[in-house]
Full PDB file with SEQRES, HELIX, SHEET, SSBOND, CRYST1, ORIGX, SCALE, CONECT and MASTER records, all heavy atoms in Angstrom:
SEQRES   1 A   40  PHE TYR ARG MET ASP TYR ASP GLU ALA LEU GLN LYS ALA          
SEQRES   2 A   40  ARG GLU ALA SER ARG GLN LEU PRO TRP TYR ALA GLU ALA          
SEQRES   3 A   40  LYS LYS LEU GLU GLY ASP ILE PHE LEU ALA LYS GLY PHE          
SEQRES   4 A   40  GLN                                                          
HELIX    1 AA1 TYR A    6  GLN A   19  1                                  14    
HELIX    2 AA2 ALA A   24  PHE A   39  1                                  16    
CRYST1    1.000    1.000    1.000  90.00  90.00  90.00 P 1           1          
ORIGX1      1.000000  0.000000  0.000000        0.00000                         
ORIGX2      0.000000  1.000000  0.000000        0.00000                         
ORIGX3      0.000000  0.000000  1.000000        0.00000                         
SCALE1      1.000000  0.000000  0.000000        0.00000                         
SCALE2      0.000000  1.000000  0.000000        0.00000                         
SCALE3      0.000000  0.000000  1.000000        0.00000                         
ATOM      1  N   PHE A   1     -27.617 -21.345 -38.813  1.00  0.00           N  
ATOM      2  CA  PHE A   1     -28.235 -20.485 -39.819  1.00  0.00           C  
ATOM      3  C   PHE A   1     -27.851 -19.029 -39.585  1.00  0.00           C  
ATOM      4  O   PHE A   1     -27.464 -18.320 -40.522  1.00  0.00           O  
ATOM      5  CB  PHE A   1     -29.754 -20.662 -39.786  1.00  0.00           C  
ATOM      6  CG  PHE A   1     -30.502 -19.747 -40.707  1.00  0.00           C  
ATOM      7  CD1 PHE A   1     -30.476 -19.950 -42.074  1.00  0.00           C  
ATOM      8  CD2 PHE A   1     -31.246 -18.705 -40.205  1.00  0.00           C  
ATOM      9  CE1 PHE A   1     -31.180 -19.108 -42.933  1.00  0.00           C  
ATOM     10  CE2 PHE A   1     -31.947 -17.866 -41.038  1.00  0.00           C  
ATOM     11  CZ  PHE A   1     -31.913 -18.060 -42.411  1.00  0.00           C  
ATOM     12  N   TYR A   2     -27.927 -18.578 -38.353  1.00  0.00           N  
ATOM     13  CA  TYR A   2     -27.578 -17.186 -38.049  1.00  0.00           C  
ATOM     14  C   TYR A   2     -26.086 -16.920 -38.210  1.00  0.00           C  
ATOM     15  O   TYR A   2     -25.683 -15.786 -38.467  1.00  0.00           O  
ATOM     16  CB  TYR A   2     -28.055 -16.793 -36.654  1.00  0.00           C  
ATOM     17  CG  TYR A   2     -29.556 -16.642 -36.593  1.00  0.00           C  
ATOM     18  CD1 TYR A   2     -30.303 -17.305 -35.637  1.00  0.00           C  
ATOM     19  CD2 TYR A   2     -30.243 -15.846 -37.502  1.00  0.00           C  
ATOM     20  CE1 TYR A   2     -31.687 -17.188 -35.587  1.00  0.00           C  
ATOM     21  CE2 TYR A   2     -31.616 -15.716 -37.465  1.00  0.00           C  
ATOM     22  CZ  TYR A   2     -32.328 -16.382 -36.502  1.00  0.00           C  
ATOM     23  OH  TYR A   2     -33.698 -16.252 -36.461  1.00  0.00           O  
ATOM     24  N   ARG A   3     -25.268 -17.964 -38.102  1.00  0.00           N  
ATOM     25  CA  ARG A   3     -23.828 -17.831 -38.368  1.00  0.00           C  
ATOM     26  C   ARG A   3     -23.547 -17.889 -39.870  1.00  0.00           C  
ATOM     27  O   ARG A   3     -22.405 -17.747 -40.289  1.00  0.00           O  
ATOM     28  CB  ARG A   3     -23.042 -18.961 -37.697  1.00  0.00           C  
ATOM     29  CG  ARG A   3     -22.854 -18.836 -36.223  1.00  0.00           C  
ATOM     30  CD  ARG A   3     -21.805 -19.821 -35.694  1.00  0.00           C  
ATOM     31  NE  ARG A   3     -21.719 -21.055 -36.449  1.00  0.00           N  
ATOM     32  CZ  ARG A   3     -22.113 -22.252 -36.020  1.00  0.00           C  
ATOM     33  NH1 ARG A   3     -22.619 -22.384 -34.806  1.00  0.00           N  
ATOM     34  NH2 ARG A   3     -21.998 -23.323 -36.777  1.00  0.00           N  
ATOM     35  N   MET A   4     -24.603 -18.146 -40.657  1.00  0.00           N  
ATOM     36  CA  MET A   4     -24.532 -18.288 -42.106  1.00  0.00           C  
ATOM     37  C   MET A   4     -23.744 -19.535 -42.512  1.00  0.00           C  
ATOM     38  O   MET A   4     -23.164 -19.598 -43.583  1.00  0.00           O  
ATOM     39  CB  MET A   4     -23.971 -17.023 -42.769  1.00  0.00           C  
ATOM     40  CG  MET A   4     -24.857 -15.813 -42.550  1.00  0.00           C  
ATOM     41  SD  MET A   4     -24.184 -14.271 -43.184  1.00  0.00           S  
ATOM     42  CE  MET A   4     -24.223 -14.593 -44.934  1.00  0.00           C  
ATOM     43  N   ASP A   5     -23.756 -20.535 -41.645  1.00  0.00           N  
ATOM     44  CA  ASP A   5     -23.183 -21.843 -41.959  1.00  0.00           C  
ATOM     45  C   ASP A   5     -24.339 -22.709 -42.446  1.00  0.00           C  
ATOM     46  O   ASP A   5     -24.882 -23.539 -41.719  1.00  0.00           O  
ATOM     47  CB  ASP A   5     -22.511 -22.439 -40.723  1.00  0.00           C  
ATOM     48  CG  ASP A   5     -21.812 -23.755 -41.007  1.00  0.00           C  
ATOM     49  OD1 ASP A   5     -21.973 -24.293 -42.126  1.00  0.00           O  
ATOM     50  OD2 ASP A   5     -21.117 -24.248 -40.105  1.00  0.00           O  
ATOM     51  N   TYR A   6     -24.735 -22.480 -43.695  1.00  0.00           N  
ATOM     52  CA  TYR A   6     -25.960 -23.060 -44.220  1.00  0.00           C  
ATOM     53  C   TYR A   6     -25.896 -24.573 -44.372  1.00  0.00           C  
ATOM     54  O   TYR A   6     -26.909 -25.241 -44.212  1.00  0.00           O  
ATOM     55  CB  TYR A   6     -26.338 -22.393 -45.539  1.00  0.00           C  
ATOM     56  CG  TYR A   6     -26.602 -20.914 -45.387  1.00  0.00           C  
ATOM     57  CD1 TYR A   6     -26.010 -19.991 -46.235  1.00  0.00           C  
ATOM     58  CD2 TYR A   6     -27.436 -20.434 -44.380  1.00  0.00           C  
ATOM     59  CE1 TYR A   6     -26.254 -18.634 -46.097  1.00  0.00           C  
ATOM     60  CE2 TYR A   6     -27.683 -19.080 -44.232  1.00  0.00           C  
ATOM     61  CZ  TYR A   6     -27.089 -18.186 -45.092  1.00  0.00           C  
ATOM     62  OH  TYR A   6     -27.331 -16.850 -44.948  1.00  0.00           O  
ATOM     63  N   ASP A   7     -24.726 -25.109 -44.667  1.00  0.00           N  
ATOM     64  CA  ASP A   7     -24.619 -26.558 -44.803  1.00  0.00           C  
ATOM     65  C   ASP A   7     -24.885 -27.262 -43.477  1.00  0.00           C  
ATOM     66  O   ASP A   7     -25.643 -28.234 -43.417  1.00  0.00           O  
ATOM     67  CB  ASP A   7     -23.248 -26.954 -45.349  1.00  0.00           C  
ATOM     68  CG  ASP A   7     -23.042 -26.490 -46.782  1.00  0.00           C  
ATOM     69  OD1 ASP A   7     -24.046 -26.367 -47.517  1.00  0.00           O  
ATOM     70  OD2 ASP A   7     -21.888 -26.257 -47.170  1.00  0.00           O  
ATOM     71  N   GLU A   8     -24.284 -26.761 -42.404  1.00  0.00           N  
ATOM     72  CA  GLU A   8     -24.535 -27.354 -41.084  1.00  0.00           C  
ATOM     73  C   GLU A   8     -25.979 -27.135 -40.668  1.00  0.00           C  
ATOM     74  O   GLU A   8     -26.631 -28.033 -40.131  1.00  0.00           O  
ATOM     75  CB  GLU A   8     -23.598 -26.770 -40.028  1.00  0.00           C  
ATOM     76  CG  GLU A   8     -23.840 -27.354 -38.656  1.00  0.00           C  
ATOM     77  CD  GLU A   8     -22.957 -26.767 -37.566  1.00  0.00           C  
ATOM     78  OE1 GLU A   8     -21.954 -26.119 -37.878  1.00  0.00           O  
ATOM     79  OE2 GLU A   8     -23.299 -26.967 -36.389  1.00  0.00           O  
ATOM     80  N   ALA A   9     -26.487 -25.946 -40.920  1.00  0.00           N  
ATOM     81  CA  ALA A   9     -27.869 -25.636 -40.556  1.00  0.00           C  
ATOM     82  C   ALA A   9     -28.843 -26.575 -41.261  1.00  0.00           C  
ATOM     83  O   ALA A   9     -29.792 -27.081 -40.645  1.00  0.00           O  
ATOM     84  CB  ALA A   9     -28.186 -24.184 -40.902  1.00  0.00           C  
ATOM     85  N   LEU A  10     -28.594 -26.830 -42.536  1.00  0.00           N  
ATOM     86  CA  LEU A  10     -29.478 -27.711 -43.294  1.00  0.00           C  
ATOM     87  C   LEU A  10     -29.419 -29.137 -42.764  1.00  0.00           C  
ATOM     88  O   LEU A  10     -30.452 -29.800 -42.617  1.00  0.00           O  
ATOM     89  CB  LEU A  10     -29.106 -27.671 -44.772  1.00  0.00           C  
ATOM     90  CG  LEU A  10     -30.013 -28.418 -45.729  1.00  0.00           C  
ATOM     91  CD1 LEU A  10     -31.448 -27.914 -45.637  1.00  0.00           C  
ATOM     92  CD2 LEU A  10     -29.484 -28.279 -47.142  1.00  0.00           C  
ATOM     93  N   GLN A  11     -28.236 -29.591 -42.442  1.00  0.00           N  
ATOM     94  CA  GLN A  11     -28.086 -30.943 -41.899  1.00  0.00           C  
ATOM     95  C   GLN A  11     -28.851 -31.074 -40.581  1.00  0.00           C  
ATOM     96  O   GLN A  11     -29.576 -32.049 -40.357  1.00  0.00           O  
ATOM     97  CB  GLN A  11     -26.593 -31.264 -41.714  1.00  0.00           C  
ATOM     98  CG  GLN A  11     -26.299 -32.662 -41.226  1.00  0.00           C  
ATOM     99  CD  GLN A  11     -26.155 -32.739 -39.714  1.00  0.00           C  
ATOM    100  OE1 GLN A  11     -25.750 -31.785 -39.059  1.00  0.00           O  
ATOM    101  NE2 GLN A  11     -26.483 -33.872 -39.165  1.00  0.00           N  
ATOM    102  N   LYS A  12     -28.735 -30.076 -39.712  1.00  0.00           N  
ATOM    103  CA  LYS A  12     -29.428 -30.121 -38.413  1.00  0.00           C  
ATOM    104  C   LYS A  12     -30.943 -30.031 -38.599  1.00  0.00           C  
ATOM    105  O   LYS A  12     -31.699 -30.738 -37.934  1.00  0.00           O  
ATOM    106  CB  LYS A  12     -28.956 -28.985 -37.510  1.00  0.00           C  
ATOM    107  CG  LYS A  12     -27.480 -28.948 -37.235  1.00  0.00           C  
ATOM    108  CD  LYS A  12     -27.078 -29.939 -36.206  1.00  0.00           C  
ATOM    109  CE  LYS A  12     -25.606 -29.729 -35.875  1.00  0.00           C  
ATOM    110  NZ  LYS A  12     -25.006 -30.849 -35.243  1.00  0.00           N  
ATOM    111  N   ALA A  13     -31.385 -29.160 -39.494  1.00  0.00           N  
ATOM    112  CA  ALA A  13     -32.826 -29.007 -39.725  1.00  0.00           C  
ATOM    113  C   ALA A  13     -33.430 -30.302 -40.270  1.00  0.00           C  
ATOM    114  O   ALA A  13     -34.505 -30.728 -39.833  1.00  0.00           O  
ATOM    115  CB  ALA A  13     -33.083 -27.853 -40.692  1.00  0.00           C  
ATOM    116  N   ARG A  14     -32.732 -30.929 -41.198  1.00  0.00           N  
ATOM    117  CA  ARG A  14     -33.247 -32.186 -41.767  1.00  0.00           C  
ATOM    118  C   ARG A  14     -33.278 -33.297 -40.735  1.00  0.00           C  
ATOM    119  O   ARG A  14     -34.228 -34.085 -40.695  1.00  0.00           O  
ATOM    120  CB  ARG A  14     -32.410 -32.591 -42.977  1.00  0.00           C  
ATOM    121  CG  ARG A  14     -32.713 -31.734 -44.178  1.00  0.00           C  
ATOM    122  CD  ARG A  14     -31.919 -32.145 -45.369  1.00  0.00           C  
ATOM    123  NE  ARG A  14     -32.417 -31.486 -46.562  1.00  0.00           N  
ATOM    124  CZ  ARG A  14     -31.765 -31.459 -47.698  1.00  0.00           C  
ATOM    125  NH1 ARG A  14     -30.588 -32.058 -47.813  1.00  0.00           N  
ATOM    126  NH2 ARG A  14     -32.282 -30.842 -48.740  1.00  0.00           N  
ATOM    127  N   GLU A  15     -32.258 -33.377 -39.920  1.00  0.00           N  
ATOM    128  CA  GLU A  15     -32.237 -34.405 -38.870  1.00  0.00           C  
ATOM    129  C   GLU A  15     -33.355 -34.152 -37.859  1.00  0.00           C  
ATOM    130  O   GLU A  15     -34.019 -35.086 -37.415  1.00  0.00           O  
ATOM    131  CB  GLU A  15     -30.871 -34.454 -38.189  1.00  0.00           C  
ATOM    132  CG  GLU A  15     -30.737 -35.540 -37.153  1.00  0.00           C  
ATOM    133  CD  GLU A  15     -30.913 -36.957 -37.704  1.00  0.00           C  
ATOM    134  OE1 GLU A  15     -30.609 -37.193 -38.887  1.00  0.00           O  
ATOM    135  OE2 GLU A  15     -31.368 -37.829 -36.945  1.00  0.00           O  
ATOM    136  N   ALA A  16     -33.561 -32.886 -37.501  1.00  0.00           N  
ATOM    137  CA  ALA A  16     -34.656 -32.552 -36.582  1.00  0.00           C  
ATOM    138  C   ALA A  16     -35.999 -32.947 -37.199  1.00  0.00           C  
ATOM    139  O   ALA A  16     -36.868 -33.484 -36.505  1.00  0.00           O  
ATOM    140  CB  ALA A  16     -34.631 -31.064 -36.245  1.00  0.00           C  
ATOM    141  N   SER A  17     -36.173 -32.715 -38.495  1.00  0.00           N  
ATOM    142  CA  SER A  17     -37.420 -33.098 -39.179  1.00  0.00           C  
ATOM    143  C   SER A  17     -37.611 -34.601 -39.189  1.00  0.00           C  
ATOM    144  O   SER A  17     -38.736 -35.083 -39.066  1.00  0.00           O  
ATOM    145  CB  SER A  17     -37.418 -32.584 -40.622  1.00  0.00           C  
ATOM    146  OG  SER A  17     -37.575 -31.204 -40.649  1.00  0.00           O  
ATOM    147  N   ARG A  18     -36.526 -35.345 -39.349  1.00  0.00           N  
ATOM    148  CA  ARG A  18     -36.639 -36.809 -39.338  1.00  0.00           C  
ATOM    149  C   ARG A  18     -37.032 -37.314 -37.951  1.00  0.00           C  
ATOM    150  O   ARG A  18     -37.826 -38.234 -37.825  1.00  0.00           O  
ATOM    151  CB  ARG A  18     -35.313 -37.452 -39.768  1.00  0.00           C  
ATOM    152  CG  ARG A  18     -35.131 -37.516 -41.256  1.00  0.00           C  
ATOM    153  CD  ARG A  18     -33.978 -38.416 -41.657  1.00  0.00           C  
ATOM    154  NE  ARG A  18     -32.672 -37.834 -41.380  1.00  0.00           N  
ATOM    155  CZ  ARG A  18     -32.051 -36.953 -42.156  1.00  0.00           C  
ATOM    156  NH1 ARG A  18     -32.623 -36.550 -43.260  1.00  0.00           N  
ATOM    157  NH2 ARG A  18     -30.866 -36.489 -41.844  1.00  0.00           N  
ATOM    158  N   GLN A  19     -36.462 -36.710 -36.924  1.00  0.00           N  
ATOM    159  CA  GLN A  19     -36.759 -37.173 -35.574  1.00  0.00           C  
ATOM    160  C   GLN A  19     -38.126 -36.703 -35.084  1.00  0.00           C  
ATOM    161  O   GLN A  19     -38.768 -37.392 -34.295  1.00  0.00           O  
ATOM    162  CB  GLN A  19     -35.674 -36.695 -34.609  1.00  0.00           C  
ATOM    163  CG  GLN A  19     -34.360 -37.407 -34.824  1.00  0.00           C  
ATOM    164  CD  GLN A  19     -33.346 -37.073 -33.749  1.00  0.00           C  
ATOM    165  OE1 GLN A  19     -33.697 -36.561 -32.685  1.00  0.00           O  
ATOM    166  NE2 GLN A  19     -32.100 -37.372 -34.024  1.00  0.00           N  
ATOM    167  N   LEU A  20     -38.528 -35.521 -35.533  1.00  0.00           N  
ATOM    168  CA  LEU A  20     -39.809 -34.939 -35.108  1.00  0.00           C  
ATOM    169  C   LEU A  20     -40.593 -34.495 -36.337  1.00  0.00           C  
ATOM    170  O   LEU A  20     -40.650 -33.314 -36.656  1.00  0.00           O  
ATOM    171  CB  LEU A  20     -39.557 -33.726 -34.197  1.00  0.00           C  
ATOM    172  CG  LEU A  20     -38.693 -33.946 -32.953  1.00  0.00           C  
ATOM    173  CD1 LEU A  20     -38.349 -32.628 -32.311  1.00  0.00           C  
ATOM    174  CD2 LEU A  20     -39.408 -34.842 -31.975  1.00  0.00           C  
ATOM    175  N   PRO A  21     -41.221 -35.419 -37.056  1.00  0.00           N  
ATOM    176  CA  PRO A  21     -41.895 -35.055 -38.303  1.00  0.00           C  
ATOM    177  C   PRO A  21     -43.036 -34.057 -38.124  1.00  0.00           C  
ATOM    178  O   PRO A  21     -43.391 -33.361 -39.077  1.00  0.00           O  
ATOM    179  CB  PRO A  21     -42.413 -36.392 -38.841  1.00  0.00           C  
ATOM    180  CG  PRO A  21     -42.176 -37.407 -37.804  1.00  0.00           C  
ATOM    181  CD  PRO A  21     -41.287 -36.828 -36.758  1.00  0.00           C  
ATOM    182  N   TRP A  22     -43.571 -33.935 -36.946  1.00  0.00           N  
ATOM    183  CA  TRP A  22     -44.663 -33.008 -36.684  1.00  0.00           C  
ATOM    184  C   TRP A  22     -44.158 -31.603 -36.346  1.00  0.00           C  
ATOM    185  O   TRP A  22     -44.936 -30.670 -36.240  1.00  0.00           O  
ATOM    186  CB  TRP A  22     -45.508 -33.527 -35.512  1.00  0.00           C  
ATOM    187  CG  TRP A  22     -44.668 -33.903 -34.330  1.00  0.00           C  
ATOM    188  CD1 TRP A  22     -44.196 -35.148 -34.033  1.00  0.00           C  
ATOM    189  CD2 TRP A  22     -44.165 -33.044 -33.303  1.00  0.00           C  
ATOM    190  NE1 TRP A  22     -43.432 -35.118 -32.889  1.00  0.00           N  
ATOM    191  CE2 TRP A  22     -43.395 -33.825 -32.423  1.00  0.00           C  
ATOM    192  CE3 TRP A  22     -44.287 -31.695 -33.038  1.00  0.00           C  
ATOM    193  CZ2 TRP A  22     -42.756 -33.299 -31.306  1.00  0.00           C  
ATOM    194  CZ3 TRP A  22     -43.650 -31.170 -31.925  1.00  0.00           C  
ATOM    195  CH2 TRP A  22     -42.900 -31.974 -31.075  1.00  0.00           C  
ATOM    196  N   TYR A  23     -42.842 -31.436 -36.196  1.00  0.00           N  
ATOM    197  CA  TYR A  23     -42.254 -30.172 -35.742  1.00  0.00           C  
ATOM    198  C   TYR A  23     -42.047 -29.247 -36.949  1.00  0.00           C  
ATOM    199  O   TYR A  23     -41.022 -29.272 -37.620  1.00  0.00           O  
ATOM    200  CB  TYR A  23     -40.931 -30.469 -35.019  1.00  0.00           C  
ATOM    201  CG  TYR A  23     -40.399 -29.345 -34.167  1.00  0.00           C  
ATOM    202  CD1 TYR A  23     -41.118 -28.892 -33.077  1.00  0.00           C  
ATOM    203  CD2 TYR A  23     -39.181 -28.763 -34.442  1.00  0.00           C  
ATOM    204  CE1 TYR A  23     -40.632 -27.876 -32.280  1.00  0.00           C  
ATOM    205  CE2 TYR A  23     -38.683 -27.747 -33.654  1.00  0.00           C  
ATOM    206  CZ  TYR A  23     -39.416 -27.306 -32.573  1.00  0.00           C  
ATOM    207  OH  TYR A  23     -38.931 -26.298 -31.783  1.00  0.00           O  
ATOM    208  N   ALA A  24     -43.044 -28.423 -37.226  1.00  0.00           N  
ATOM    209  CA  ALA A  24     -43.054 -27.586 -38.429  1.00  0.00           C  
ATOM    210  C   ALA A  24     -41.906 -26.585 -38.477  1.00  0.00           C  
ATOM    211  O   ALA A  24     -41.459 -26.199 -39.560  1.00  0.00           O  
ATOM    212  CB  ALA A  24     -44.387 -26.854 -38.526  1.00  0.00           C  
ATOM    213  N   GLU A  25     -41.411 -26.162 -37.338  1.00  0.00           N  
ATOM    214  CA  GLU A  25     -40.334 -25.168 -37.307  1.00  0.00           C  
ATOM    215  C   GLU A  25     -39.081 -25.678 -38.015  1.00  0.00           C  
ATOM    216  O   GLU A  25     -38.359 -24.903 -38.642  1.00  0.00           O  
ATOM    217  CB  GLU A  25     -39.992 -24.763 -35.869  1.00  0.00           C  
ATOM    218  CG  GLU A  25     -41.049 -23.908 -35.203  1.00  0.00           C  
ATOM    219  CD  GLU A  25     -42.176 -24.716 -34.588  1.00  0.00           C  
ATOM    220  OE1 GLU A  25     -42.217 -25.954 -34.781  1.00  0.00           O  
ATOM    221  OE2 GLU A  25     -43.029 -24.106 -33.930  1.00  0.00           O  
ATOM    222  N   ALA A  26     -38.812 -26.973 -37.928  1.00  0.00           N  
ATOM    223  CA  ALA A  26     -37.629 -27.541 -38.587  1.00  0.00           C  
ATOM    224  C   ALA A  26     -37.772 -27.449 -40.105  1.00  0.00           C  
ATOM    225  O   ALA A  26     -36.810 -27.127 -40.806  1.00  0.00           O  
ATOM    226  CB  ALA A  26     -37.407 -28.979 -38.139  1.00  0.00           C  
ATOM    227  N   LYS A  27     -38.969 -27.714 -40.632  1.00  0.00           N  
ATOM    228  CA  LYS A  27     -39.186 -27.593 -42.076  1.00  0.00           C  
ATOM    229  C   LYS A  27     -39.126 -26.125 -42.506  1.00  0.00           C  
ATOM    230  O   LYS A  27     -38.633 -25.805 -43.584  1.00  0.00           O  
ATOM    231  CB  LYS A  27     -40.525 -28.200 -42.486  1.00  0.00           C  
ATOM    232  CG  LYS A  27     -40.568 -29.705 -42.417  1.00  0.00           C  
ATOM    233  CD  LYS A  27     -39.471 -30.352 -43.228  1.00  0.00           C  
ATOM    234  CE  LYS A  27     -39.854 -30.524 -44.677  1.00  0.00           C  
ATOM    235  NZ  LYS A  27     -38.812 -31.244 -45.444  1.00  0.00           N  
ATOM    236  N   LYS A  28     -39.620 -25.230 -41.660  1.00  0.00           N  
ATOM    237  CA  LYS A  28     -39.533 -23.802 -41.971  1.00  0.00           C  
ATOM    238  C   LYS A  28     -38.079 -23.370 -42.031  1.00  0.00           C  
ATOM    239  O   LYS A  28     -37.680 -22.616 -42.919  1.00  0.00           O  
ATOM    240  CB  LYS A  28     -40.288 -22.960 -40.962  1.00  0.00           C  
ATOM    241  CG  LYS A  28     -40.220 -21.479 -41.320  1.00  0.00           C  
ATOM    242  CD  LYS A  28     -40.772 -20.605 -40.225  1.00  0.00           C  
ATOM    243  CE  LYS A  28     -40.661 -19.140 -40.562  1.00  0.00           C  
ATOM    244  NZ  LYS A  28     -39.330 -18.665 -40.879  1.00  0.00           N  
ATOM    245  N   LEU A  29     -37.268 -23.846 -41.096  1.00  0.00           N  
ATOM    246  CA  LEU A  29     -35.849 -23.521 -41.111  1.00  0.00           C  
ATOM    247  C   LEU A  29     -35.206 -24.026 -42.396  1.00  0.00           C  
ATOM    248  O   LEU A  29     -34.406 -23.316 -43.016  1.00  0.00           O  
ATOM    249  CB  LEU A  29     -35.145 -24.112 -39.881  1.00  0.00           C  
ATOM    250  CG  LEU A  29     -33.629 -23.916 -39.815  1.00  0.00           C  
ATOM    251  CD1 LEU A  29     -33.255 -22.444 -39.866  1.00  0.00           C  
ATOM    252  CD2 LEU A  29     -33.078 -24.579 -38.554  1.00  0.00           C  
ATOM    253  N   GLU A  30     -35.552 -25.222 -42.805  1.00  0.00           N  
ATOM    254  CA  GLU A  30     -35.018 -25.755 -44.060  1.00  0.00           C  
ATOM    255  C   GLU A  30     -35.371 -24.827 -45.222  1.00  0.00           C  
ATOM    256  O   GLU A  30     -34.517 -24.498 -46.059  1.00  0.00           O  
ATOM    257  CB  GLU A  30     -35.580 -27.156 -44.304  1.00  0.00           C  
ATOM    258  CG  GLU A  30     -34.980 -27.859 -45.479  1.00  0.00           C  
ATOM    259  CD  GLU A  30     -35.486 -29.281 -45.628  1.00  0.00           C  
ATOM    260  OE1 GLU A  30     -35.896 -29.905 -44.638  1.00  0.00           O  
ATOM    261  OE2 GLU A  30     -35.460 -29.759 -46.774  1.00  0.00           O  
ATOM    262  N   GLY A  31     -36.601 -24.375 -45.278  1.00  0.00           N  
ATOM    263  CA  GLY A  31     -37.008 -23.437 -46.325  1.00  0.00           C  
ATOM    264  C   GLY A  31     -36.254 -22.124 -46.249  1.00  0.00           C  
ATOM    265  O   GLY A  31     -35.831 -21.573 -47.268  1.00  0.00           O  
ATOM    266  N   ASP A  32     -36.075 -21.613 -45.037  1.00  0.00           N  
ATOM    267  CA  ASP A  32     -35.333 -20.359 -44.861  1.00  0.00           C  
ATOM    268  C   ASP A  32     -33.887 -20.493 -45.336  1.00  0.00           C  
ATOM    269  O   ASP A  32     -33.320 -19.559 -45.911  1.00  0.00           O  
ATOM    270  CB  ASP A  32     -35.359 -19.923 -43.391  1.00  0.00           C  
ATOM    271  CG  ASP A  32     -36.718 -19.433 -42.937  1.00  0.00           C  
ATOM    272  OD1 ASP A  32     -37.549 -19.064 -43.790  1.00  0.00           O  
ATOM    273  OD2 ASP A  32     -36.954 -19.429 -41.720  1.00  0.00           O  
ATOM    274  N   ILE A  33     -33.306 -21.654 -45.100  1.00  0.00           N  
ATOM    275  CA  ILE A  33     -31.926 -21.899 -45.544  1.00  0.00           C  
ATOM    276  C   ILE A  33     -31.862 -21.867 -47.064  1.00  0.00           C  
ATOM    277  O   ILE A  33     -30.981 -21.223 -47.650  1.00  0.00           O  
ATOM    278  CB  ILE A  33     -31.414 -23.245 -44.991  1.00  0.00           C  
ATOM    279  CG1 ILE A  33     -31.287 -23.182 -43.469  1.00  0.00           C  
ATOM    280  CG2 ILE A  33     -30.083 -23.626 -45.638  1.00  0.00           C  
ATOM    281  CD1 ILE A  33     -31.196 -24.542 -42.800  1.00  0.00           C  
ATOM    282  N   PHE A  34     -32.806 -22.547 -47.730  1.00  0.00           N  
ATOM    283  CA  PHE A  34     -32.817 -22.540 -49.188  1.00  0.00           C  
ATOM    284  C   PHE A  34     -33.039 -21.127 -49.731  1.00  0.00           C  
ATOM    285  O   PHE A  34     -32.436 -20.754 -50.742  1.00  0.00           O  
ATOM    286  CB  PHE A  34     -33.875 -23.492 -49.732  1.00  0.00           C  
ATOM    287  CG  PHE A  34     -33.513 -24.943 -49.589  1.00  0.00           C  
ATOM    288  CD1 PHE A  34     -34.414 -25.849 -49.065  1.00  0.00           C  
ATOM    289  CD2 PHE A  34     -32.275 -25.416 -49.992  1.00  0.00           C  
ATOM    290  CE1 PHE A  34     -34.088 -27.193 -48.938  1.00  0.00           C  
ATOM    291  CE2 PHE A  34     -31.939 -26.755 -49.875  1.00  0.00           C  
ATOM    292  CZ  PHE A  34     -32.846 -27.644 -49.344  1.00  0.00           C  
ATOM    293  N   LEU A  35     -33.884 -20.345 -49.073  1.00  0.00           N  
ATOM    294  CA  LEU A  35     -34.077 -18.955 -49.496  1.00  0.00           C  
ATOM    295  C   LEU A  35     -32.784 -18.163 -49.387  1.00  0.00           C  
ATOM    296  O   LEU A  35     -32.424 -17.410 -50.302  1.00  0.00           O  
ATOM    297  CB  LEU A  35     -35.166 -18.280 -48.658  1.00  0.00           C  
ATOM    298  CG  LEU A  35     -36.606 -18.615 -48.981  1.00  0.00           C  
ATOM    299  CD1 LEU A  35     -37.535 -17.888 -48.014  1.00  0.00           C  
ATOM    300  CD2 LEU A  35     -36.937 -18.240 -50.404  1.00  0.00           C  
ATOM    301  N   ALA A  36     -32.093 -18.304 -48.277  1.00  0.00           N  
ATOM    302  CA  ALA A  36     -30.849 -17.562 -48.061  1.00  0.00           C  
ATOM    303  C   ALA A  36     -29.783 -17.968 -49.072  1.00  0.00           C  
ATOM    304  O   ALA A  36     -29.093 -17.111 -49.647  1.00  0.00           O  
ATOM    305  CB  ALA A  36     -30.350 -17.775 -46.635  1.00  0.00           C  
ATOM    306  N   LYS A  37     -29.656 -19.276 -49.292  1.00  0.00           N  
ATOM    307  CA  LYS A  37     -28.675 -19.752 -50.269  1.00  0.00           C  
ATOM    308  C   LYS A  37     -29.060 -19.296 -51.680  1.00  0.00           C  
ATOM    309  O   LYS A  37     -28.193 -18.923 -52.476  1.00  0.00           O  
ATOM    310  CB  LYS A  37     -28.566 -21.271 -50.206  1.00  0.00           C  
ATOM    311  CG  LYS A  37     -27.897 -21.774 -48.944  1.00  0.00           C  
ATOM    312  CD  LYS A  37     -27.851 -23.289 -48.886  1.00  0.00           C  
ATOM    313  CE  LYS A  37     -26.761 -23.794 -49.801  1.00  0.00           C  
ATOM    314  NZ  LYS A  37     -26.430 -25.211 -49.563  1.00  0.00           N  
ATOM    315  N   GLY A  38     -30.336 -19.318 -51.976  1.00  0.00           N  
ATOM    316  CA  GLY A  38     -30.810 -18.850 -53.278  1.00  0.00           C  
ATOM    317  C   GLY A  38     -30.523 -17.374 -53.489  1.00  0.00           C  
ATOM    318  O   GLY A  38     -30.123 -16.955 -54.578  1.00  0.00           O  
ATOM    319  N   PHE A  39     -30.694 -16.586 -52.449  1.00  0.00           N  
ATOM    320  CA  PHE A  39     -30.421 -15.156 -52.556  1.00  0.00           C  
ATOM    321  C   PHE A  39     -28.937 -14.905 -52.806  1.00  0.00           C  
ATOM    322  O   PHE A  39     -28.579 -14.013 -53.577  1.00  0.00           O  
ATOM    323  CB  PHE A  39     -30.902 -14.422 -51.306  1.00  0.00           C  
ATOM    324  CG  PHE A  39     -30.795 -12.929 -51.434  1.00  0.00           C  
ATOM    325  CD1 PHE A  39     -31.568 -12.255 -52.365  1.00  0.00           C  
ATOM    326  CD2 PHE A  39     -29.930 -12.208 -50.630  1.00  0.00           C  
ATOM    327  CE1 PHE A  39     -31.468 -10.870 -52.492  1.00  0.00           C  
ATOM    328  CE2 PHE A  39     -29.823 -10.833 -50.752  1.00  0.00           C  
ATOM    329  CZ  PHE A  39     -30.594 -10.160 -51.686  1.00  0.00           C  
ATOM    330  N   GLN A  40     -28.079 -15.706 -52.179  1.00  0.00           N  
ATOM    331  CA  GLN A  40     -26.641 -15.582 -52.448  1.00  0.00           C  
ATOM    332  C   GLN A  40     -26.350 -15.839 -53.924  1.00  0.00           C  
ATOM    333  O   GLN A  40     -25.571 -15.108 -54.548  1.00  0.00           O  
ATOM    334  CB  GLN A  40     -25.840 -16.563 -51.589  1.00  0.00           C  
ATOM    335  CG  GLN A  40     -25.721 -16.160 -50.147  1.00  0.00           C  
ATOM    336  CD  GLN A  40     -24.907 -17.172 -49.343  1.00  0.00           C  
ATOM    337  OE1 GLN A  40     -24.850 -18.352 -49.668  1.00  0.00           O  
ATOM    338  NE2 GLN A  40     -24.291 -16.687 -48.278  1.00  0.00           N  
TER     339      GLN A  40                                                      
MASTER        0    0    0    2    0    0    0    6  338    1    0    4          
END                                                                             
């Protein structure tokens, strides 16, 4: 995400959410990625 490689970041965030459904930070990262892509 910080490298602005949003596709890879989204894939990692979604996989982290699947493996750890209680881990809210992964869902927040997914939202942040969509915000950044939307702003572009």
